[in-house]
Amino acid sequence: MIIEQNINRKRHYREDKLSETPFRSVTKSVSWRILGTLDTIIISWFITGEASVAFSIGSIELGTKMILYFFHERVWNTIKWGKK
């Protein structure tokens, strides 16, 4: 049973590795977060009128959203729905 689970896990990783590597997911996360954080900073600045508050919100959001996006991508990579 344990050996079979290991084989299935290795097979699943190989299939996932062919569709998208973890490094690619990290790279996408970083590029998306740069754009998303700039958007958050601009919106926060517009609402608060305070650049320091806007940059504080943006810096906190940068880390949390990048982590969430990475795991979101990895989970979606395991879902076969919509893939050929």
PDB file of N, CA and C in Angstrom:
ATOM      1  N   MET A   1       0.824  -1.189   0.000  1.00  0.00           N
ATOM      2  CA  MET A   1       0.000   0.000   0.000  1.00  0.00           C
ATOM      3  C   MET A   1       0.872   1.258   0.000  1.00  0.00           C
ATOM      4  N   ILE A   2       1.857   1.328   0.886  1.00  0.00           N
ATOM      5  CA  ILE A   2       2.737   2.498   0.961  1.00  0.00           C
ATOM      6  C   ILE A   2       3.563   2.619  -0.314  1.00  0.00           C
ATOM      7  N   ILE A   3       4.050   1.511  -0.837  1.00  0.00           N
ATOM      8  CA  ILE A   3       4.842   1.534  -2.074  1.00  0.00           C
ATOM      9  C   ILE A   3       3.982   2.036  -3.226  1.00  0.00           C
ATOM     10  N   GLU A   4       2.740   1.570  -3.291  1.00  0.00           N
ATOM     11  CA  GLU A   4       1.829   2.009  -4.348  1.00  0.00           C
ATOM     12  C   GLU A   4       1.546   3.517  -4.252  1.00  0.00           C
ATOM     13  N   GLN A   5       1.382   4.025  -3.041  1.00  0.00           N
ATOM     14  CA  GLN A   5       1.165   5.464  -2.848  1.00  0.00           C
ATOM     15  C   GLN A   5       2.383   6.258  -3.306  1.00  0.00           C
ATOM     16  N   ASN A   6       3.591   5.754  -2.987  1.00  0.00           N
ATOM     17  CA  ASN A   6       4.820   6.423  -3.427  1.00  0.00           C
ATOM     18  C   ASN A   6       4.910   6.460  -4.945  1.00  0.00           C
ATOM     19  N   ILE A   7       4.588   5.352  -5.599  1.00  0.00           N
ATOM     20  CA  ILE A   7       4.631   5.289  -7.060  1.00  0.00           C
ATOM     21  C   ILE A   7       3.632   6.278  -7.648  1.00  0.00           C
ATOM     22  N   ASN A   8       2.413   6.303  -7.098  1.00  0.00           N
ATOM     23  CA  ASN A   8       1.399   7.242  -7.586  1.00  0.00           C
ATOM     24  C   ASN A   8       1.831   8.682  -7.371  1.00  0.00           C
ATOM     25  N   ARG A   9       2.444   8.963  -6.229  1.00  0.00           N
ATOM     26  CA  ARG A   9       2.908  10.317  -5.931  1.00  0.00           C
ATOM     27  C   ARG A   9       3.998  10.722  -6.934  1.00  0.00           C
ATOM     28  N   LYS A  10       4.941   9.826  -7.213  1.00  0.00           N
ATOM     29  CA  LYS A  10       6.006  10.136  -8.168  1.00  0.00           C
ATOM     30  C   LYS A  10       5.439  10.343  -9.565  1.00  0.00           C
ATOM     31  N   ARG A  11       4.488   9.515  -9.962  1.00  0.00           N
ATOM     32  CA  ARG A  11       3.870   9.649 -11.278  1.00  0.00           C
ATOM     33  C   ARG A  11       3.139  10.985 -11.367  1.00  0.00           C
ATOM     34  N   HIS A  12       2.413  11.329 -10.321  1.00  0.00           N
ATOM     35  CA  HIS A  12       1.674  12.587 -10.304  1.00  0.00           C
ATOM     36  C   HIS A  12       2.639  13.772 -10.403  1.00  0.00           C
ATOM     37  N   TYR A  13       3.759  13.719  -9.685  1.00  0.00           N
ATOM     38  CA  TYR A  13       4.730  14.815  -9.735  1.00  0.00           C
ATOM     39  C   TYR A  13       5.310  14.944 -11.143  1.00  0.00           C
ATOM     40  N   ARG A  14       5.612  13.810 -11.780  1.00  0.00           N
ATOM     41  CA  ARG A  14       6.155  13.872 -13.145  1.00  0.00           C
ATOM     42  C   ARG A  14       5.151  14.515 -14.091  1.00  0.00           C
ATOM     43  N   GLU A  15       3.871  14.164 -13.980  1.00  0.00           N
ATOM     44  CA  GLU A  15       2.845  14.748 -14.836  1.00  0.00           C
ATOM     45  C   GLU A  15       2.732  16.249 -14.577  1.00  0.00           C
ATOM     46  N   ASP A  16       2.713  16.630 -13.313  1.00  0.00           N
ATOM     47  CA  ASP A  16       2.609  18.036 -12.951  1.00  0.00           C
ATOM     48  C   ASP A  16       3.849  18.793 -13.422  1.00  0.00           C
ATOM     49  N   LYS A  17       5.003  18.162 -13.298  1.00  0.00           N
ATOM     50  CA  LYS A  17       6.259  18.798 -13.686  1.00  0.00           C
ATOM     51  C   LYS A  17       6.260  19.113 -15.187  1.00  0.00           C
ATOM     52  N   LEU A  18       5.594  18.280 -15.983  1.00  0.00           N
ATOM     53  CA  LEU A  18       5.523  18.528 -17.413  1.00  0.00           C
ATOM     54  C   LEU A  18       4.623  19.710 -17.742  1.00  0.00           C
ATOM     55  N   SER A  19       3.621  19.958 -16.925  1.00  0.00           N
ATOM     56  CA  SER A  19       2.704  21.053 -17.230  1.00  0.00           C
ATOM     57  C   SER A  19       3.210  22.387 -16.689  1.00  0.00           C
ATOM     58  N   GLU A  20       3.804  22.387 -15.503  1.00  0.00           N
ATOM     59  CA  GLU A  20       4.356  23.623 -14.953  1.00  0.00           C
ATOM     60  C   GLU A  20       5.236  23.293 -13.753  1.00  0.00           C
ATOM     61  N   THR A  21       6.446  23.834 -13.771  1.00  0.00           N
ATOM     62  CA  THR A  21       7.372  23.577 -12.666  1.00  0.00           C
ATOM     63  C   THR A  21       7.092  24.533 -11.508  1.00  0.00           C
ATOM     64  N   PRO A  22       7.494  24.157 -10.302  1.00  0.00           N
ATOM     65  CA  PRO A  22       7.350  25.075  -9.171  1.00  0.00           C
ATOM     66  C   PRO A  22       8.083  26.401  -9.407  1.00  0.00           C
ATOM     67  N   PHE A  23       9.240  26.366 -10.058  1.00  0.00           N
ATOM     68  CA  PHE A  23       9.987  27.601 -10.335  1.00  0.00           C
ATOM     69  C   PHE A  23       9.178  28.543 -11.226  1.00  0.00           C
ATOM     70  N   ARG A  24       8.494  27.984 -12.212  1.00  0.00           N
ATOM     71  CA  ARG A  24       7.629  28.799 -13.077  1.00  0.00           C
ATOM     72  C   ARG A  24       6.502  29.426 -12.261  1.00  0.00           C
ATOM     73  N   SER A  25       5.923  28.652 -11.350  1.00  0.00           N
ATOM     74  CA  SER A  25       4.858  29.188 -10.492  1.00  0.00           C
ATOM     75  C   SER A  25       5.374  30.329  -9.626  1.00  0.00           C
ATOM     76  N   VAL A  26       6.586  30.183  -9.103  1.00  0.00           N
ATOM     77  CA  VAL A  26       7.177  31.255  -8.281  1.00  0.00           C
ATOM     78  C   VAL A  26       7.402  32.501  -9.133  1.00  0.00           C
ATOM     79  N   THR A  27       7.946  32.334 -10.330  1.00  0.00           N
ATOM     80  CA  THR A  27       8.210  33.464 -11.220  1.00  0.00           C
ATOM     81  C   THR A  27       6.920  34.194 -11.579  1.00  0.00           C
ATOM     82  N   LYS A  28       5.875  33.434 -11.886  1.00  0.00           N
ATOM     83  CA  LYS A  28       4.581  34.040 -12.171  1.00  0.00           C
ATOM     84  C   LYS A  28       4.037  34.770 -10.947  1.00  0.00           C
ATOM     85  N   SER A  29       4.227  34.185  -9.786  1.00  0.00           N
ATOM     86  CA  SER A  29       3.762  34.815  -8.542  1.00  0.00           C
ATOM     87  C   SER A  29       4.427  36.169  -8.344  1.00  0.00           C
ATOM     88  N   VAL A  30       5.729  36.224  -8.534  1.00  0.00           N
ATOM     89  CA  VAL A  30       6.472  37.471  -8.313  1.00  0.00           C
ATOM     90  C   VAL A  30       6.041  38.540  -9.322  1.00  0.00           C
ATOM     91  N   SER A  31       5.961  38.185 -10.592  1.00  0.00           N
ATOM     92  CA  SER A  31       5.593  39.186 -11.597  1.00  0.00           C
ATOM     93  C   SER A  31       4.167  39.692 -11.382  1.00  0.00           C
ATOM     94  N   TRP A  32       3.266  38.797 -11.041  1.00  0.00           N
ATOM     95  CA  TRP A  32       1.890  39.207 -10.789  1.00  0.00           C
ATOM     96  C   TRP A  32       1.801  40.094  -9.549  1.00  0.00           C
ATOM     97  N   ARG A  33       2.557  39.758  -8.519  1.00  0.00           N
ATOM     98  CA  ARG A  33       2.489  40.543  -7.284  1.00  0.00           C
ATOM     99  C   ARG A  33       3.052  41.936  -7.459  1.00  0.00           C
ATOM    100  N   ILE A  34       4.056  42.094  -8.279  1.00  0.00           N
ATOM    101  CA  ILE A  34       4.576  43.448  -8.534  1.00  0.00           C
ATOM    102  C   ILE A  34       3.461  44.313  -9.113  1.00  0.00           C
ATOM    103  N   LEU A  35       2.780  43.788 -10.119  1.00  0.00           N
ATOM    104  CA  LEU A  35       1.678  44.525 -10.728  1.00  0.00           C
ATOM    105  C   LEU A  35       0.537  44.735  -9.732  1.00  0.00           C
ATOM    106  N   GLY A  36       0.167  43.683  -9.028  1.00  0.00           N
ATOM    107  CA  GLY A  36      -0.924  43.775  -8.062  1.00  0.00           C
ATOM    108  C   GLY A  36      -0.622  44.716  -6.907  1.00  0.00           C
ATOM    109  N   THR A  37       0.619  44.710  -6.439  1.00  0.00           N
ATOM    110  CA  THR A  37       0.996  45.581  -5.330  1.00  0.00           C
ATOM    111  C   THR A  37       0.993  47.046  -5.759  1.00  0.00           C
ATOM    112  N   LEU A  38       1.462  47.322  -6.954  1.00  0.00           N
ATOM    113  CA  LEU A  38       1.394  48.694  -7.460  1.00  0.00           C
ATOM    114  C   LEU A  38      -0.059  49.164  -7.508  1.00  0.00           C
ATOM    115  N   ASP A  39      -0.949  48.305  -7.937  1.00  0.00           N
ATOM    116  CA  ASP A  39      -2.371  48.624  -7.972  1.00  0.00           C
ATOM    117  C   ASP A  39      -2.901  48.911  -6.564  1.00  0.00           C
ATOM    118  N   THR A  40      -2.533  48.073  -5.607  1.00  0.00           N
ATOM    119  CA  THR A  40      -2.973  48.264  -4.219  1.00  0.00           C
ATOM    120  C   THR A  40      -2.445  49.580  -3.651  1.00  0.00           C
ATOM    121  N   ILE A  41      -1.191  49.883  -3.917  1.00  0.00           N
ATOM    122  CA  ILE A  41      -0.600  51.130  -3.418  1.00  0.00           C
ATOM    123  C   ILE A  41      -1.329  52.333  -3.998  1.00  0.00           C
ATOM    124  N   ILE A  42      -1.592  52.309  -5.296  1.00  0.00           N
ATOM    125  CA  ILE A  42      -2.281  53.439  -5.943  1.00  0.00           C
ATOM    126  C   ILE A  42      -3.693  53.608  -5.375  1.00  0.00           C
ATOM    127  N   ILE A  43      -4.423  52.513  -5.246  1.00  0.00           N
ATOM    128  CA  ILE A  43      -5.776  52.583  -4.690  1.00  0.00           C
ATOM    129  C   ILE A  43      -5.738  53.069  -3.239  1.00  0.00           C
ATOM    130  N   SER A  44      -4.814  52.525  -2.447  1.00  0.00           N
ATOM    131  CA  SER A  44      -4.699  52.927  -1.037  1.00  0.00           C
ATOM    132  C   SER A  44      -4.344  54.403  -0.915  1.00  0.00           C
ATOM    133  N   TRP A  45      -3.455  54.875  -1.764  1.00  0.00           N
ATOM    134  CA  TRP A  45      -3.059  56.285  -1.756  1.00  0.00           C
ATOM    135  C   TRP A  45      -4.248  57.169  -2.117  1.00  0.00           C
ATOM    136  N   PHE A  46      -5.005  56.734  -3.127  1.00  0.00           N
ATOM    137  CA  PHE A  46      -6.182  57.490  -3.548  1.00  0.00           C
ATOM    138  C   PHE A  46      -7.211  57.573  -2.413  1.00  0.00           C
ATOM    139  N   ILE A  47      -7.440  56.474  -1.709  1.00  0.00           N
ATOM    140  CA  ILE A  47      -8.447  56.437  -0.642  1.00  0.00           C
ATOM    141  C   ILE A  47      -7.985  57.191   0.601  1.00  0.00           C
ATOM    142  N   THR A  48      -6.728  56.975   1.005  1.00  0.00           N
ATOM    143  CA  THR A  48      -6.250  57.561   2.266  1.00  0.00           C
ATOM    144  C   THR A  48      -5.621  58.934   2.095  1.00  0.00           C
ATOM    145  N   GLY A  49      -5.072  59.194   0.913  1.00  0.00           N
ATOM    146  CA  GLY A  49      -4.357  60.446   0.697  1.00  0.00           C
ATOM    147  C   GLY A  49      -2.987  60.463   1.356  1.00  0.00           C
ATOM    148  N   GLU A  50      -2.563  59.324   1.889  1.00  0.00           N
ATOM    149  CA  GLU A  50      -1.289  59.213   2.606  1.00  0.00           C
ATOM    150  C   GLU A  50      -0.391  58.191   1.908  1.00  0.00           C
ATOM    151  N   ALA A  51       0.717  58.657   1.371  1.00  0.00           N
ATOM    152  CA  ALA A  51       1.636  57.744   0.690  1.00  0.00           C
ATOM    153  C   ALA A  51       2.221  56.710   1.649  1.00  0.00           C
ATOM    154  N   SER A  52       2.541  57.140   2.861  1.00  0.00           N
ATOM    155  CA  SER A  52       3.150  56.194   3.812  1.00  0.00           C
ATOM    156  C   SER A  52       2.184  55.070   4.182  1.00  0.00           C
ATOM    157  N   VAL A  53       0.919  55.396   4.337  1.00  0.00           N
ATOM    158  CA  VAL A  53      -0.088  54.363   4.630  1.00  0.00           C
ATOM    159  C   VAL A  53      -0.244  53.449   3.423  1.00  0.00           C
ATOM    160  N   ALA A  54      -0.280  54.030   2.238  1.00  0.00           N
ATOM    161  CA  ALA A  54      -0.433  53.246   1.011  1.00  0.00           C
ATOM    162  C   ALA A  54       0.722  52.255   0.843  1.00  0.00           C
ATOM    163  N   PHE A  55       1.948  52.709   1.095  1.00  0.00           N
ATOM    164  CA  PHE A  55       3.095  51.816   0.961  1.00  0.00           C
ATOM    165  C   PHE A  55       3.116  50.758   2.068  1.00  0.00           C
ATOM    166  N   SER A  56       2.618  51.090   3.243  1.00  0.00           N
ATOM    167  CA  SER A  56       2.519  50.097   4.323  1.00  0.00           C
ATOM    168  C   SER A  56       1.539  48.996   3.953  1.00  0.00           C
ATOM    169  N   ILE A  57       0.385  49.401   3.454  1.00  0.00           N
ATOM    170  CA  ILE A  57      -0.616  48.419   3.018  1.00  0.00           C
ATOM    171  C   ILE A  57      -0.035  47.568   1.890  1.00  0.00           C
ATOM    172  N   GLY A  58       0.600  48.211   0.925  1.00  0.00           N
ATOM    173  CA  GLY A  58       1.180  47.489  -0.215  1.00  0.00           C
ATOM    174  C   GLY A  58       2.253  46.502   0.190  1.00  0.00           C
ATOM    175  N   SER A  59       3.087  46.864   1.170  1.00  0.00           N
ATOM    176  CA  SER A  59       4.174  45.959   1.567  1.00  0.00           C
ATOM    177  C   SER A  59       3.647  44.725   2.303  1.00  0.00           C
ATOM    178  N   ILE A  60       2.615  44.896   3.107  1.00  0.00           N
ATOM    179  CA  ILE A  60       2.019  43.741   3.791  1.00  0.00           C
ATOM    180  C   ILE A  60       1.334  42.842   2.773  1.00  0.00           C
ATOM    181  N   GLU A  61       0.597  43.454   1.884  1.00  0.00           N
ATOM    182  CA  GLU A  61      -0.149  42.724   0.869  1.00  0.00           C
ATOM    183  C   GLU A  61       0.783  41.969  -0.080  1.00  0.00           C
ATOM    184  N   LEU A  62       1.942  42.519  -0.349  1.00  0.00           N
ATOM    185  CA  LEU A  62       2.899  41.885  -1.259  1.00  0.00           C
ATOM    186  C   LEU A  62       3.237  40.471  -0.807  1.00  0.00           C
ATOM    187  N   GLY A  63       3.628  40.314   0.431  1.00  0.00           N
ATOM    188  CA  GLY A  63       4.023  39.000   0.928  1.00  0.00           C
ATOM    189  C   GLY A  63       2.875  38.018   1.032  1.00  0.00           C
ATOM    190  N   THR A  64       1.775  38.463   1.587  1.00  0.00           N
ATOM    191  CA  THR A  64       0.655  37.535   1.801  1.00  0.00           C
ATOM    192  C   THR A  64       0.046  37.063   0.489  1.00  0.00           C
ATOM    193  N   LYS A  65      -0.115  37.957  -0.449  1.00  0.00           N
ATOM    194  CA  LYS A  65      -0.735  37.564  -1.720  1.00  0.00           C
ATOM    195  C   LYS A  65       0.186  36.682  -2.567  1.00  0.00           C
ATOM    196  N   MET A  66       1.493  36.891  -2.464  1.00  0.00           N
ATOM    197  CA  MET A  66       2.420  36.058  -3.222  1.00  0.00           C
ATOM    198  C   MET A  66       2.358  34.609  -2.729  1.00  0.00           C
ATOM    199  N   ILE A  67       2.313  34.444  -1.431  1.00  0.00           N
ATOM    200  CA  ILE A  67       2.229  33.099  -0.852  1.00  0.00           C
ATOM    201  C   ILE A  67       0.907  32.447  -1.238  1.00  0.00           C
ATOM    202  N   LEU A  68      -0.184  33.182  -1.101  1.00  0.00           N
ATOM    203  CA  LEU A  68      -1.488  32.638  -1.469  1.00  0.00           C
ATOM    204  C   LEU A  68      -1.541  32.252  -2.942  1.00  0.00           C
ATOM    205  N   TYR A  69      -1.002  33.091  -3.812  1.00  0.00           N
ATOM    206  CA  TYR A  69      -1.016  32.813  -5.249  1.00  0.00           C
ATOM    207  C   TYR A  69      -0.211  31.561  -5.581  1.00  0.00           C
ATOM    208  N   PHE A  70       0.948  31.402  -4.973  1.00  0.00           N
ATOM    209  CA  PHE A  70       1.778  30.226  -5.240  1.00  0.00           C
ATOM    210  C   PHE A  70       0.992  28.953  -4.938  1.00  0.00           C
ATOM    211  N   PHE A  71       0.399  28.887  -3.761  1.00  0.00           N
ATOM    212  CA  PHE A  71      -0.342  27.675  -3.401  1.00  0.00           C
ATOM    213  C   PHE A  71      -1.599  27.508  -4.247  1.00  0.00           C
ATOM    214  N   HIS A  72      -2.234  28.607  -4.613  1.00  0.00           N
ATOM    215  CA  HIS A  72      -3.396  28.562  -5.504  1.00  0.00           C
ATOM    216  C   HIS A  72      -3.000  27.938  -6.846  1.00  0.00           C
ATOM    217  N   GLU A  73      -1.881  28.366  -7.402  1.00  0.00           N
ATOM    218  CA  GLU A  73      -1.386  27.819  -8.668  1.00  0.00           C
ATOM    219  C   GLU A  73      -1.051  26.331  -8.556  1.00  0.00           C
ATOM    220  N   ARG A  74      -0.396  25.952  -7.477  1.00  0.00           N
ATOM    221  CA  ARG A  74      -0.002  24.554  -7.312  1.00  0.00           C
ATOM    222  C   ARG A  74      -1.231  23.651  -7.192  1.00  0.00           C
ATOM    223  N   VAL A  75      -2.246  24.106  -6.473  1.00  0.00           N
ATOM    224  CA  VAL A  75      -3.477  23.322  -6.356  1.00  0.00           C
ATOM    225  C   VAL A  75      -4.160  23.210  -7.712  1.00  0.00           C
ATOM    226  N   TRP A  76      -4.296  24.318  -8.424  1.00  0.00           N
ATOM    227  CA  TRP A  76      -4.931  24.282  -9.730  1.00  0.00           C
ATOM    228  C   TRP A  76      -4.159  23.414 -10.721  1.00  0.00           C
ATOM    229  N   ASN A  77      -2.865  23.323 -10.558  1.00  0.00           N
ATOM    230  CA  ASN A  77      -2.069  22.467 -11.446  1.00  0.00           C
ATOM    231  C   ASN A  77      -2.399  20.995 -11.251  1.00  0.00           C
ATOM    232  N   THR A  78      -2.940  20.635 -10.111  1.00  0.00           N
ATOM    233  CA  THR A  78      -3.299  19.233  -9.857  1.00  0.00           C
ATOM    234  C   THR A  78      -4.686  18.890 -10.354  1.00  0.00           C
ATOM    235  N   ILE A  79      -5.488  19.880 -10.714  1.00  0.00           N
ATOM    236  CA  ILE A  79      -6.860  19.659 -11.181  1.00  0.00           C
ATOM    237  C   ILE A  79      -6.847  19.440 -12.686  1.00  0.00           C
ATOM    238  N   LYS A  80      -7.388  18.320 -13.118  1.00  0.00           N
ATOM    239  CA  LYS A  80      -7.372  17.961 -14.534  1.00  0.00           C
ATOM    240  C   LYS A  80      -8.439  18.699 -15.350  1.00  0.00           C
ATOM    241  N   TRP A  81      -9.463  19.230 -14.708  1.00  0.00           N
ATOM    242  CA  TRP A  81     -10.568  19.878 -15.397  1.00  0.00           C
ATOM    243  C   TRP A  81     -10.058  21.030 -16.272  1.00  0.00           C
ATOM    244  N   GLY A  82     -10.455  21.017 -17.531  1.00  0.00           N
ATOM    245  CA  GLY A  82     -10.086  22.092 -18.437  1.00  0.00           C
ATOM    246  C   GLY A  82      -8.721  21.941 -19.100  1.00  0.00           C
ATOM    247  N   LYS A  83      -7.998  20.862 -18.778  1.00  0.00           N
ATOM    248  CA  LYS A  83      -6.700  20.610 -19.417  1.00  0.00           C
ATOM    249  C   LYS A  83      -6.871  19.583 -20.513  1.00  0.00           C
ATOM    250  N   LYS A  84      -5.994  19.655 -21.500  1.00  0.00           N
ATOM    251  CA  LYS A  84      -6.024  18.658 -22.586  1.00  0.00           C
ATOM    252  C   LYS A  84      -5.123  17.509 -22.232  1.00  0.00           C
TER     253      LYS A  84
END
